[in-house]
């Protein structure tokens, strides 16, 4: 279990790991099930990190799309900054 933002009971559970390329987490927030996948693929000169969040069921799909997109952008920028910092050291 990994603590997450969203309340005292908000956690992620590691559902799958395939070193060095994949981490898959699951969680439940009320009635909504979610998965969060981080996958690394090799490119010609480096690596690319793919992030995918899936939610369901969602009552307000439009809100989830727009607010979720904004929240994801903040999360990803923080994650990218941390990766750059680790690669630089």
N, C-alpha and C. Protein backbone atom coordinates (compact mmCIF):
# COMPACT_ATOMS: atom_id res chain seq x y z
N UNK A 1 0.84 -1.19 0.00
CA UNK A 1 0.00 0.00 0.00
C UNK A 1 0.88 1.24 0.00
N UNK A 2 0.49 2.18 -0.85
CA UNK A 2 1.20 3.44 -0.97
C UNK A 2 0.22 4.56 -0.66
N UNK A 3 0.50 5.40 0.35
CA UNK A 3 -0.41 6.50 0.67
C UNK A 3 -0.55 7.45 -0.52
N UNK A 4 -1.74 8.05 -0.67
CA UNK A 4 -1.99 8.98 -1.76
C UNK A 4 -2.80 10.15 -1.25
N UNK A 5 -2.79 11.24 -2.01
CA UNK A 5 -3.61 12.40 -1.70
C UNK A 5 -5.07 12.01 -1.87
N UNK A 6 -5.95 12.54 -1.02
CA UNK A 6 -7.37 12.28 -1.18
C UNK A 6 -8.04 11.74 0.07
N UNK A 7 -7.39 11.84 1.21
CA UNK A 7 -8.00 11.38 2.45
C UNK A 7 -7.16 10.32 3.13
N UNK A 8 -7.53 10.05 4.37
CA UNK A 8 -6.75 9.12 5.19
C UNK A 8 -6.73 7.71 4.61
N UNK A 9 -7.79 7.32 3.92
CA UNK A 9 -7.87 5.96 3.38
C UNK A 9 -7.44 5.87 1.91
N UNK A 10 -6.96 6.96 1.34
CA UNK A 10 -6.57 6.96 -0.07
C UNK A 10 -5.20 6.30 -0.23
N UNK A 11 -5.19 5.17 -0.89
CA UNK A 11 -3.94 4.44 -1.12
C UNK A 11 -3.94 3.86 -2.53
N UNK A 12 -2.76 3.49 -2.97
CA UNK A 12 -2.59 2.71 -4.19
C UNK A 12 -1.99 1.37 -3.79
N UNK A 13 -2.38 0.32 -4.50
CA UNK A 13 -1.84 -1.02 -4.29
C UNK A 13 -1.08 -1.42 -5.55
N UNK A 14 0.12 -1.93 -5.39
CA UNK A 14 0.90 -2.40 -6.53
C UNK A 14 0.24 -3.66 -7.07
N UNK A 15 -0.22 -3.62 -8.33
CA UNK A 15 -0.92 -4.75 -8.94
C UNK A 15 -0.03 -5.56 -9.87
N UNK A 16 0.96 -4.90 -10.48
CA UNK A 16 1.87 -5.61 -11.39
C UNK A 16 3.18 -4.85 -11.47
N UNK A 17 4.24 -5.60 -11.63
CA UNK A 17 5.56 -5.01 -11.83
C UNK A 17 6.31 -5.90 -12.82
N UNK A 18 6.87 -5.26 -13.83
CA UNK A 18 7.67 -5.96 -14.84
C UNK A 18 8.96 -5.16 -15.03
N UNK A 19 9.97 -5.42 -14.17
CA UNK A 19 11.21 -4.66 -14.27
C UNK A 19 11.85 -4.83 -15.64
N UNK A 20 12.44 -3.84 -16.20
CA UNK A 20 12.52 -2.46 -15.73
C UNK A 20 11.47 -1.55 -16.37
N UNK A 21 10.38 -2.11 -16.91
CA UNK A 21 9.54 -1.32 -17.80
C UNK A 21 8.15 -0.96 -17.31
N UNK A 22 7.60 -1.61 -16.28
CA UNK A 22 6.18 -1.39 -16.00
C UNK A 22 5.87 -1.44 -14.51
N UNK A 23 5.06 -0.47 -14.06
CA UNK A 23 4.44 -0.48 -12.74
C UNK A 23 2.95 -0.24 -12.94
N UNK A 24 2.12 -1.04 -12.29
CA UNK A 24 0.66 -0.88 -12.38
C UNK A 24 0.10 -0.83 -10.97
N UNK A 25 -0.64 0.23 -10.68
CA UNK A 25 -1.26 0.41 -9.37
C UNK A 25 -2.77 0.42 -9.51
N UNK A 26 -3.47 -0.01 -8.47
CA UNK A 26 -4.93 0.05 -8.43
C UNK A 26 -5.36 0.77 -7.16
N UNK A 27 -6.58 1.30 -7.19
CA UNK A 27 -7.14 1.97 -6.03
C UNK A 27 -8.66 2.04 -6.19
N UNK A 28 -9.32 2.37 -5.10
CA UNK A 28 -10.76 2.58 -5.11
C UNK A 28 -11.05 3.84 -4.31
N UNK A 29 -11.83 4.76 -4.90
CA UNK A 29 -12.23 6.00 -4.25
C UNK A 29 -13.75 6.04 -4.27
N UNK A 30 -14.37 5.68 -3.17
CA UNK A 30 -15.82 5.58 -3.15
C UNK A 30 -16.25 4.44 -4.06
N UNK A 31 -17.10 4.73 -5.05
CA UNK A 31 -17.52 3.71 -6.02
C UNK A 31 -16.58 3.59 -7.21
N UNK A 32 -15.64 4.52 -7.32
CA UNK A 32 -14.79 4.58 -8.51
C UNK A 32 -13.54 3.72 -8.35
N UNK A 33 -13.37 2.80 -9.29
CA UNK A 33 -12.15 2.00 -9.38
C UNK A 33 -11.18 2.73 -10.29
N UNK A 34 -9.89 2.67 -9.96
CA UNK A 34 -8.93 3.29 -10.85
C UNK A 34 -7.67 2.47 -10.96
N UNK A 35 -7.03 2.59 -12.10
CA UNK A 35 -5.70 2.01 -12.32
C UNK A 35 -4.79 3.12 -12.81
N UNK A 36 -3.54 3.03 -12.43
CA UNK A 36 -2.53 4.00 -12.84
C UNK A 36 -1.32 3.21 -13.30
N UNK A 37 -0.94 3.36 -14.54
CA UNK A 37 0.15 2.59 -15.13
C UNK A 37 1.29 3.52 -15.52
N UNK A 38 2.50 3.15 -15.15
CA UNK A 38 3.71 3.83 -15.59
C UNK A 38 4.51 2.83 -16.40
N UNK A 39 4.78 3.14 -17.66
CA UNK A 39 5.49 2.22 -18.53
C UNK A 39 6.63 2.97 -19.23
N UNK A 40 7.79 2.34 -19.26
CA UNK A 40 8.96 2.92 -19.91
C UNK A 40 9.24 2.14 -21.19
N UNK A 41 9.40 2.86 -22.30
CA UNK A 41 9.79 2.22 -23.56
C UNK A 41 11.09 2.85 -24.03
N UNK A 42 11.94 2.03 -24.61
CA UNK A 42 13.21 2.51 -25.14
C UNK A 42 12.97 3.22 -26.46
N UNK A 43 13.68 4.32 -26.65
CA UNK A 43 13.66 5.02 -27.94
C UNK A 43 15.08 4.95 -28.50
N UNK A 44 15.29 5.50 -29.64
CA UNK A 44 16.61 5.44 -30.26
C UNK A 44 17.73 6.00 -29.40
N UNK A 45 17.47 7.11 -28.70
CA UNK A 45 18.52 7.77 -27.93
C UNK A 45 18.23 7.85 -26.44
N UNK A 46 17.18 7.23 -25.98
CA UNK A 46 16.83 7.33 -24.57
C UNK A 46 15.62 6.50 -24.25
N UNK A 47 14.79 7.03 -23.37
CA UNK A 47 13.58 6.33 -22.93
C UNK A 47 12.40 7.30 -22.93
N UNK A 48 11.21 6.74 -23.02
CA UNK A 48 9.98 7.53 -22.94
C UNK A 48 9.12 6.92 -21.84
N UNK A 49 8.57 7.78 -20.97
CA UNK A 49 7.70 7.33 -19.89
C UNK A 49 6.25 7.59 -20.31
N UNK A 50 5.44 6.55 -20.29
CA UNK A 50 4.01 6.65 -20.62
C UNK A 50 3.23 6.51 -19.32
N UNK A 51 2.28 7.41 -19.10
CA UNK A 51 1.42 7.36 -17.92
C UNK A 51 -0.02 7.20 -18.39
N UNK A 52 -0.75 6.30 -17.74
CA UNK A 52 -2.16 6.12 -18.11
C UNK A 52 -2.97 5.95 -16.82
N UNK A 53 -4.01 6.76 -16.70
CA UNK A 53 -4.95 6.67 -15.58
C UNK A 53 -6.31 6.30 -16.15
N UNK A 54 -6.91 5.28 -15.57
CA UNK A 54 -8.27 4.88 -15.98
C UNK A 54 -9.18 4.92 -14.77
N UNK A 55 -10.38 5.49 -14.95
CA UNK A 55 -11.37 5.64 -13.89
C UNK A 55 -12.70 5.06 -14.34
N UNK A 56 -13.43 4.48 -13.41
CA UNK A 56 -14.79 4.06 -13.76
C UNK A 56 -15.50 3.46 -12.55
N UNK A 57 -16.75 3.61 -12.39
CA UNK A 57 -17.59 4.51 -13.18
C UNK A 57 -17.39 5.96 -12.75
N UNK A 58 -17.64 6.88 -13.67
CA UNK A 58 -17.49 8.32 -13.42
C UNK A 58 -18.83 8.99 -13.71
N UNK A 59 -19.37 9.72 -12.73
CA UNK A 59 -20.65 10.43 -12.92
C UNK A 59 -20.50 11.62 -13.85
N UNK A 60 -19.48 12.40 -13.63
CA UNK A 60 -19.29 13.65 -14.40
C UNK A 60 -18.06 13.50 -15.29
N UNK A 61 -18.25 12.87 -16.42
CA UNK A 61 -17.14 12.55 -17.33
C UNK A 61 -16.40 13.82 -17.78
N UNK A 62 -17.15 14.85 -18.11
CA UNK A 62 -16.52 16.09 -18.59
C UNK A 62 -15.64 16.72 -17.51
N UNK A 63 -16.13 16.74 -16.27
CA UNK A 63 -15.34 17.26 -15.16
C UNK A 63 -14.09 16.41 -14.95
N UNK A 64 -14.25 15.10 -14.99
CA UNK A 64 -13.10 14.20 -14.81
C UNK A 64 -12.06 14.43 -15.90
N UNK A 65 -12.52 14.66 -17.13
CA UNK A 65 -11.60 14.87 -18.24
C UNK A 65 -10.81 16.16 -18.07
N UNK A 66 -11.51 17.27 -17.80
CA UNK A 66 -10.83 18.57 -17.73
C UNK A 66 -10.07 18.77 -16.42
N UNK A 67 -10.71 18.52 -15.29
CA UNK A 67 -10.03 18.68 -14.00
C UNK A 67 -8.94 17.64 -13.86
N UNK A 68 -9.23 16.42 -14.31
CA UNK A 68 -8.22 15.36 -14.24
C UNK A 68 -7.02 15.67 -15.11
N UNK A 69 -7.27 16.24 -16.29
CA UNK A 69 -6.16 16.61 -17.17
C UNK A 69 -5.26 17.66 -16.54
N UNK A 70 -5.86 18.64 -15.88
CA UNK A 70 -5.09 19.67 -15.20
C UNK A 70 -4.28 19.07 -14.05
N UNK A 71 -4.94 18.24 -13.23
CA UNK A 71 -4.25 17.61 -12.11
C UNK A 71 -3.13 16.70 -12.60
N UNK A 72 -3.38 15.96 -13.68
CA UNK A 72 -2.34 15.10 -14.26
C UNK A 72 -1.14 15.91 -14.73
N UNK A 73 -1.40 17.07 -15.35
CA UNK A 73 -0.30 17.91 -15.83
C UNK A 73 0.59 18.35 -14.66
N UNK A 74 -0.02 18.71 -13.54
CA UNK A 74 0.76 19.08 -12.35
C UNK A 74 1.55 17.89 -11.82
N UNK A 75 0.90 16.74 -11.73
CA UNK A 75 1.56 15.54 -11.22
C UNK A 75 2.73 15.14 -12.11
N UNK A 76 2.50 15.15 -13.42
CA UNK A 76 3.54 14.73 -14.36
C UNK A 76 4.71 15.70 -14.37
N UNK A 77 4.44 17.00 -14.24
CA UNK A 77 5.55 17.96 -14.22
C UNK A 77 6.42 17.74 -12.98
N UNK A 78 5.80 17.43 -11.85
CA UNK A 78 6.57 17.12 -10.64
C UNK A 78 7.37 15.84 -10.79
N UNK A 79 6.75 14.83 -11.38
CA UNK A 79 7.42 13.56 -11.61
C UNK A 79 8.60 13.75 -12.57
N UNK A 80 8.41 14.51 -13.63
CA UNK A 80 9.48 14.76 -14.61
C UNK A 80 10.64 15.53 -13.97
N UNK A 81 10.33 16.50 -13.12
CA UNK A 81 11.38 17.26 -12.45
C UNK A 81 12.21 16.35 -11.56
N UNK A 82 11.55 15.44 -10.85
CA UNK A 82 12.27 14.48 -10.01
C UNK A 82 13.15 13.55 -10.82
N UNK A 83 12.65 13.08 -11.96
CA UNK A 83 13.46 12.21 -12.83
C UNK A 83 14.68 12.96 -13.37
N UNK A 84 14.47 14.20 -13.82
CA UNK A 84 15.60 15.00 -14.33
C UNK A 84 16.66 15.20 -13.24
N UNK A 85 16.20 15.47 -12.02
CA UNK A 85 17.12 15.68 -10.90
C UNK A 85 17.94 14.43 -10.63
N UNK A 86 17.30 13.27 -10.65
CA UNK A 86 18.03 12.02 -10.40
C UNK A 86 19.00 11.69 -11.52
N UNK A 87 18.61 11.98 -12.76
CA UNK A 87 19.50 11.71 -13.89
C UNK A 87 20.72 12.63 -13.88
N UNK A 88 20.55 13.85 -13.38
CA UNK A 88 21.64 14.81 -13.36
C UNK A 88 22.68 14.49 -12.29
N UNK A 89 22.29 13.76 -11.25
CA UNK A 89 23.24 13.49 -10.16
C UNK A 89 23.97 12.18 -10.33
